[in-house]
C-alpha atoms as a PDB file:
ATOM      1  CA  UNK A   1       0.034  -0.237   0.187  1.00  0.00           C
ATOM      2  CA  UNK A   2       1.633   3.343  -0.442  1.00  0.00           C
ATOM      3  CA  UNK A   3       1.851   6.350   1.966  1.00  0.00           C
ATOM      4  CA  UNK A   4       1.213   9.537   0.329  1.00  0.00           C
ATOM      5  CA  UNK A   5       4.844  10.063   0.089  1.00  0.00           C
ATOM      6  CA  UNK A   6       5.133   7.437  -2.273  1.00  0.00           C
ATOM      7  CA  UNK A   7       1.672   8.435  -4.100  1.00  0.00           C
ATOM      8  CA  UNK A   8       1.647   9.394  -7.892  1.00  0.00           C
ATOM      9  CA  UNK A   9       1.277  13.486  -8.876  1.00  0.00           C
ATOM     10  CA  UNK A  10      -2.946  14.054  -8.503  1.00  0.00           C
ATOM     11  CA  UNK A  11      -0.982  16.979 -10.947  1.00  0.00           C
ATOM     12  CA  UNK A  12      -1.402  14.667 -14.640  1.00  0.00           C
ATOM     13  CA  UNK A  13      -4.860  13.621 -13.582  1.00  0.00           C
ATOM     14  CA  UNK A  14      -6.082  17.309 -12.462  1.00  0.00           C
ATOM     15  CA  UNK A  15      -4.892  18.838 -15.417  1.00  0.00           C
ATOM     16  CA  UNK A  16      -7.118  16.414 -17.911  1.00  0.00           C
ATOM     17  CA  UNK A  17      -9.702  16.742 -16.256  1.00  0.00           C
ATOM     18  CA  UNK A  18      -9.392  20.497 -16.620  1.00  0.00           C
ATOM     19  CA  UNK A  19      -8.588  20.435 -20.204  1.00  0.00           C
ATOM     20  CA  UNK A  20     -12.157  18.028 -20.628  1.00  0.00           C
ATOM     21  CA  UNK A  21     -13.922  20.631 -19.276  1.00  0.00           C
ATOM     22  CA  UNK A  22     -12.666  23.308 -21.495  1.00  0.00           C
ATOM     23  CA  UNK A  23     -13.452  21.352 -24.567  1.00  0.00           C
ATOM     24  CA  UNK A  24     -16.324  20.130 -23.343  1.00  0.00           C
ATOM     25  CA  UNK A  25     -17.512  23.501 -22.336  1.00  0.00           C
ATOM     26  CA  UNK A  26     -16.809  25.208 -25.504  1.00  0.00           C
ATOM     27  CA  UNK A  27     -13.846  26.908 -23.727  1.00  0.00           C
ATOM     28  CA  UNK A  28      -9.903  27.071 -25.157  1.00  0.00           C
ATOM     29  CA  UNK A  29      -7.324  25.361 -22.739  1.00  0.00           C
ATOM     30  CA  UNK A  30      -4.565  27.472 -22.049  1.00  0.00           C
ATOM     31  CA  UNK A  31      -1.617  26.208 -19.534  1.00  0.00           C
ATOM     32  CA  UNK A  32       1.121  28.681 -17.232  1.00  0.00           C
ATOM     33  CA  UNK A  33       4.461  27.232 -17.798  1.00  0.00           C
ATOM     34  CA  UNK A  34       7.565  27.489 -16.035  1.00  0.00           C
ATOM     35  CA  UNK A  35      10.413  27.049 -17.820  1.00  0.00           C
ATOM     36  CA  UNK A  36      13.210  25.513 -16.728  1.00  0.00           C
ATOM     37  CA  UNK A  37      16.067  23.606 -18.815  1.00  0.00           C
ATOM     38  CA  UNK A  38      13.446  20.433 -18.545  1.00  0.00           C
ATOM     39  CA  UNK A  39      11.222  22.262 -20.517  1.00  0.00           C
ATOM     40  CA  UNK A  40      11.022  22.777 -24.569  1.00  0.00           C
ATOM     41  CA  UNK A  41       9.206  25.580 -25.901  1.00  0.00           C
ATOM     42  CA  UNK A  42      10.342  28.261 -28.430  1.00  0.00           C
ATOM     43  CA  UNK A  43      12.652  30.821 -25.488  1.00  0.00           C
ATOM     44  CA  UNK A  44      12.106  33.874 -27.729  1.00  0.00           C
ATOM     45  CA  UNK A  45       8.205  33.314 -26.350  1.00  0.00           C
ATOM     46  CA  UNK A  46       9.341  33.209 -22.567  1.00  0.00           C
ATOM     47  CA  UNK A  47       8.917  36.650 -20.341  1.00  0.00           C
ATOM     48  CA  UNK A  48       9.955  35.962 -16.993  1.00  0.00           C
ATOM     49  CA  UNK A  49      11.003  32.396 -16.858  1.00  0.00           C
ATOM     50  CA  UNK A  50       7.274  32.047 -17.815  1.00  0.00           C
ATOM     51  CA  UNK A  51       5.003  30.763 -21.122  1.00  0.00           C
ATOM     52  CA  UNK A  52       1.385  30.682 -22.017  1.00  0.00           C
ATOM     53  CA  UNK A  53       0.432  27.931 -24.322  1.00  0.00           C
ATOM     54  CA  UNK A  54      -2.755  27.318 -25.976  1.00  0.00           C
ATOM     55  CA  UNK A  55      -3.542  23.834 -25.861  1.00  0.00           C
ATOM     56  CA  UNK A  56      -6.730  23.695 -27.978  1.00  0.00           C
ATOM     57  CA  UNK A  57      -7.579  21.067 -30.801  1.00  0.00           C
ATOM     58  CA  UNK A  58      -7.272  23.761 -33.553  1.00  0.00           C
ATOM     59  CA  UNK A  59      -4.087  25.169 -32.237  1.00  0.00           C
ATOM     60  CA  UNK A  60      -2.085  21.715 -31.954  1.00  0.00           C
ATOM     61  CA  UNK A  61      -0.729  18.366 -33.383  1.00  0.00           C
ATOM     62  CA  UNK A  62      -0.877  15.270 -32.262  1.00  0.00           C
ATOM     63  CA  UNK A  63      -1.164  16.401 -28.469  1.00  0.00           C
ATOM     64  CA  UNK A  64      -0.405  13.992 -26.004  1.00  0.00           C
ATOM     65  CA  UNK A  65      -1.141  15.082 -22.200  1.00  0.00           C
ATOM     66  CA  UNK A  66       0.911  12.314 -20.373  1.00  0.00           C
ATOM     67  CA  UNK A  67       1.962  11.114 -16.684  1.00  0.00           C
ATOM     68  CA  UNK A  68       5.386  12.660 -16.886  1.00  0.00           C
ATOM     69  CA  UNK A  69       4.784  15.145 -19.767  1.00  0.00           C
ATOM     70  CA  UNK A  70       3.159  17.512 -21.865  1.00  0.00           C
ATOM     71  CA  UNK A  71       3.997  17.087 -25.661  1.00  0.00           C
ATOM     72  CA  UNK A  72       2.636  18.815 -29.246  1.00  0.00           C
ATOM     73  CA  UNK A  73       3.149  20.449 -32.163  1.00  0.00           C
ATOM     74  CA  UNK A  74       2.378  24.198 -32.370  1.00  0.00           C
ATOM     75  CA  UNK A  75       2.946  26.883 -34.369  1.00  0.00           C
ATOM     76  CA  UNK A  76       5.106  30.048 -33.198  1.00  0.00           C
ATOM     77  CA  UNK A  77       4.767  33.184 -35.891  1.00  0.00           C
ATOM     78  CA  UNK A  78       4.185  30.622 -39.141  1.00  0.00           C
ATOM     79  CA  UNK A  79       6.746  28.286 -37.918  1.00  0.00           C
ATOM     80  CA  UNK A  80       6.028  24.522 -36.934  1.00  0.00           C
ATOM     81  CA  UNK A  81       8.014  23.554 -33.757  1.00  0.00           C
ATOM     82  CA  UNK A  82       7.967  20.837 -31.463  1.00  0.00           C
ATOM     83  CA  UNK A  83       6.884  21.400 -27.429  1.00  0.00           C
ATOM     84  CA  UNK A  84       7.278  19.115 -24.520  1.00  0.00           C
ATOM     85  CA  UNK A  85       7.192  20.558 -20.854  1.00  0.00           C
ATOM     86  CA  UNK A  86       7.385  18.194 -17.725  1.00  0.00           C
ATOM     87  CA  UNK A  87       4.534  17.918 -15.922  1.00  0.00           C
ATOM     88  CA  UNK A  88       5.629  19.198 -12.886  1.00  0.00           C
ATOM     89  CA  UNK A  89       6.709  22.604 -14.583  1.00  0.00           C
ATOM     90  CA  UNK A  90       2.817  23.416 -15.073  1.00  0.00           C
ATOM     91  CA  UNK A  91       1.834  26.561 -13.497  1.00  0.00           C
ATOM     92  CA  UNK A  92      -1.687  26.531 -14.008  1.00  0.00           C
ATOM     93  CA  UNK A  93      -4.517  25.249 -16.328  1.00  0.00           C
ATOM     94  CA  UNK A  94      -7.140  27.276 -17.408  1.00  0.00           C
ATOM     95  CA  UNK A  95     -10.030  28.317 -20.036  1.00  0.00           C
ATOM     96  CA  UNK A  96      -8.975  31.430 -21.560  1.00  0.00           C
ATOM     97  CA  UNK A  97     -12.140  32.933 -22.077  1.00  0.00           C
ATOM     98  CA  UNK A  98     -13.506  32.998 -18.402  1.00  0.00           C
ATOM     99  CA  UNK A  99     -10.437  32.320 -16.583  1.00  0.00           C
ATOM    100  CA  UNK A 100     -11.474  29.494 -14.344  1.00  0.00           C
ATOM    101  CA  UNK A 101      -8.822  26.616 -13.687  1.00  0.00           C
ATOM    102  CA  UNK A 102      -6.282  25.491 -11.169  1.00  0.00           C
ATOM    103  CA  UNK A 103      -2.820  26.357 -10.516  1.00  0.00           C
ATOM    104  CA  UNK A 104      -0.107  24.440  -9.154  1.00  0.00           C
ATOM    105  CA  UNK A 105       2.834  24.778  -6.769  1.00  0.00           C
ATOM    106  CA  UNK A 106       6.336  24.565  -8.256  1.00  0.00           C
ATOM    107  CA  UNK A 107       8.449  22.252  -6.639  1.00  0.00           C
ATOM    108  CA  UNK A 108      11.146  24.190  -4.248  1.00  0.00           C
ATOM    109  CA  UNK A 109      14.528  23.974  -7.017  1.00  0.00           C
ATOM    110  CA  UNK A 110      13.749  26.620  -8.680  1.00  0.00           C
ATOM    111  CA  UNK A 111      16.780  29.300  -8.549  1.00  0.00           C
ATOM    112  CA  UNK A 112      14.915  32.397  -9.703  1.00  0.00           C
ATOM    113  CA  UNK A 113      12.906  33.918  -6.242  1.00  0.00           C
ATOM    114  CA  UNK A 114       9.948  35.623  -8.435  1.00  0.00           C
ATOM    115  CA  UNK A 115       9.206  33.027  -9.885  1.00  0.00           C
ATOM    116  CA  UNK A 116       9.266  31.213  -6.507  1.00  0.00           C
ATOM    117  CA  UNK A 117       6.578  33.391  -5.486  1.00  0.00           C
ATOM    118  CA  UNK A 118       4.531  33.743  -8.766  1.00  0.00           C
ATOM    119  CA  UNK A 119       4.246  30.105  -7.759  1.00  0.00           C
ATOM    120  CA  UNK A 120       3.323  30.266  -4.099  1.00  0.00           C
ATOM    121  CA  UNK A 121       0.182  32.766  -4.745  1.00  0.00           C
ATOM    122  CA  UNK A 122      -2.747  31.287  -7.285  1.00  0.00           C
ATOM    123  CA  UNK A 123      -2.896  33.957  -9.767  1.00  0.00           C
ATOM    124  CA  UNK A 124      -6.920  35.890 -10.399  1.00  0.00           C
ATOM    125  CA  UNK A 125      -9.185  33.649 -11.258  1.00  0.00           C
ATOM    126  CA  UNK A 126      -7.399  30.398  -9.918  1.00  0.00           C
ATOM    127  CA  UNK A 127      -7.738  27.971  -7.583  1.00  0.00           C
ATOM    128  CA  UNK A 128      -4.015  26.347  -6.209  1.00  0.00           C
ATOM    129  CA  UNK A 129      -3.581  23.104  -4.909  1.00  0.00           C
ATOM    130  CA  UNK A 130      -0.790  23.626  -2.194  1.00  0.00           C
ATOM    131  CA  UNK A 131      -3.243  26.623  -0.563  1.00  0.00           C
ATOM    132  CA  UNK A 132      -3.838  25.139   2.986  1.00  0.00           C
ATOM    133  CA  UNK A 133      -6.806  27.933   4.403  1.00  0.00           C
ATOM    134  CA  UNK A 134      -9.454  30.257   2.527  1.00  0.00           C
ATOM    135  CA  UNK A 135      -8.598  33.571   1.025  1.00  0.00           C
ATOM    136  CA  UNK A 136     -10.182  36.022   4.699  1.00  0.00           C
ATOM    137  CA  UNK A 137     -11.479  38.094   1.485  1.00  0.00           C
ATOM    138  CA  UNK A 138     -13.367  36.917  -1.253  1.00  0.00           C
ATOM    139  CA  UNK A 139     -12.017  38.368  -4.853  1.00  0.00           C
ATOM    140  CA  UNK A 140     -13.856  41.173  -6.149  1.00  0.00           C
ATOM    141  CA  UNK A 141     -15.617  40.791  -9.203  1.00  0.00           C
ATOM    142  CA  UNK A 142     -14.954  43.041 -12.163  1.00  0.00           C
ATOM    143  CA  UNK A 143     -17.209  45.710 -12.330  1.00  0.00           C
ATOM    144  CA  UNK A 144     -17.559  46.121 -16.086  1.00  0.00           C
ATOM    145  CA  UNK A 145     -18.227  41.985 -16.272  1.00  0.00           C
ATOM    146  CA  UNK A 146     -19.975  39.387 -15.574  1.00  0.00           C
ATOM    147  CA  UNK A 147     -17.113  37.464 -14.844  1.00  0.00           C
ATOM    148  CA  UNK A 148     -17.243  33.941 -12.527  1.00  0.00           C
ATOM    149  CA  UNK A 149     -14.959  34.262  -9.570  1.00  0.00           C
ATOM    150  CA  UNK A 150     -13.860  30.520  -9.287  1.00  0.00           C
ATOM    151  CA  UNK A 151     -14.431  28.846  -5.752  1.00  0.00           C
ATOM    152  CA  UNK A 152     -11.789  26.684  -3.904  1.00  0.00           C
ATOM    153  CA  UNK A 153     -12.897  23.544  -3.050  1.00  0.00           C
ATOM    154  CA  UNK A 154     -10.554  21.969  -0.575  1.00  0.00           C
END
């Protein structure tokens, strides 16, 4: 029997579930990725050590959402590129249209204090898997919109 330290990560399963939710509801799934030497993406599109990738059916070919890696072919500036993202480098998966999704923490082996701090606090509209306490103040709804807020489920 596996204890909690030996159990496989839930991250790839949650990524696949949220990807399926996005596609089933007509949303565009995006993933935010912390870039390090293990990530294969076009470096010219990386900002502040992160890249956001459209992983929708229309934007990718040969998409594989595996337990260890997310792999696909995507076009960047009209040029087809092979993309390889270790699942443990995914910061978040969310729907472009409404921001609903989930944020993940990154293992502390990161070399950038900025990226470590960003991975500790979820982005607006995203739930975090590592938060232990609920937010004391619920997020404010933008004055202009009907954008729904994501409720944290622990």
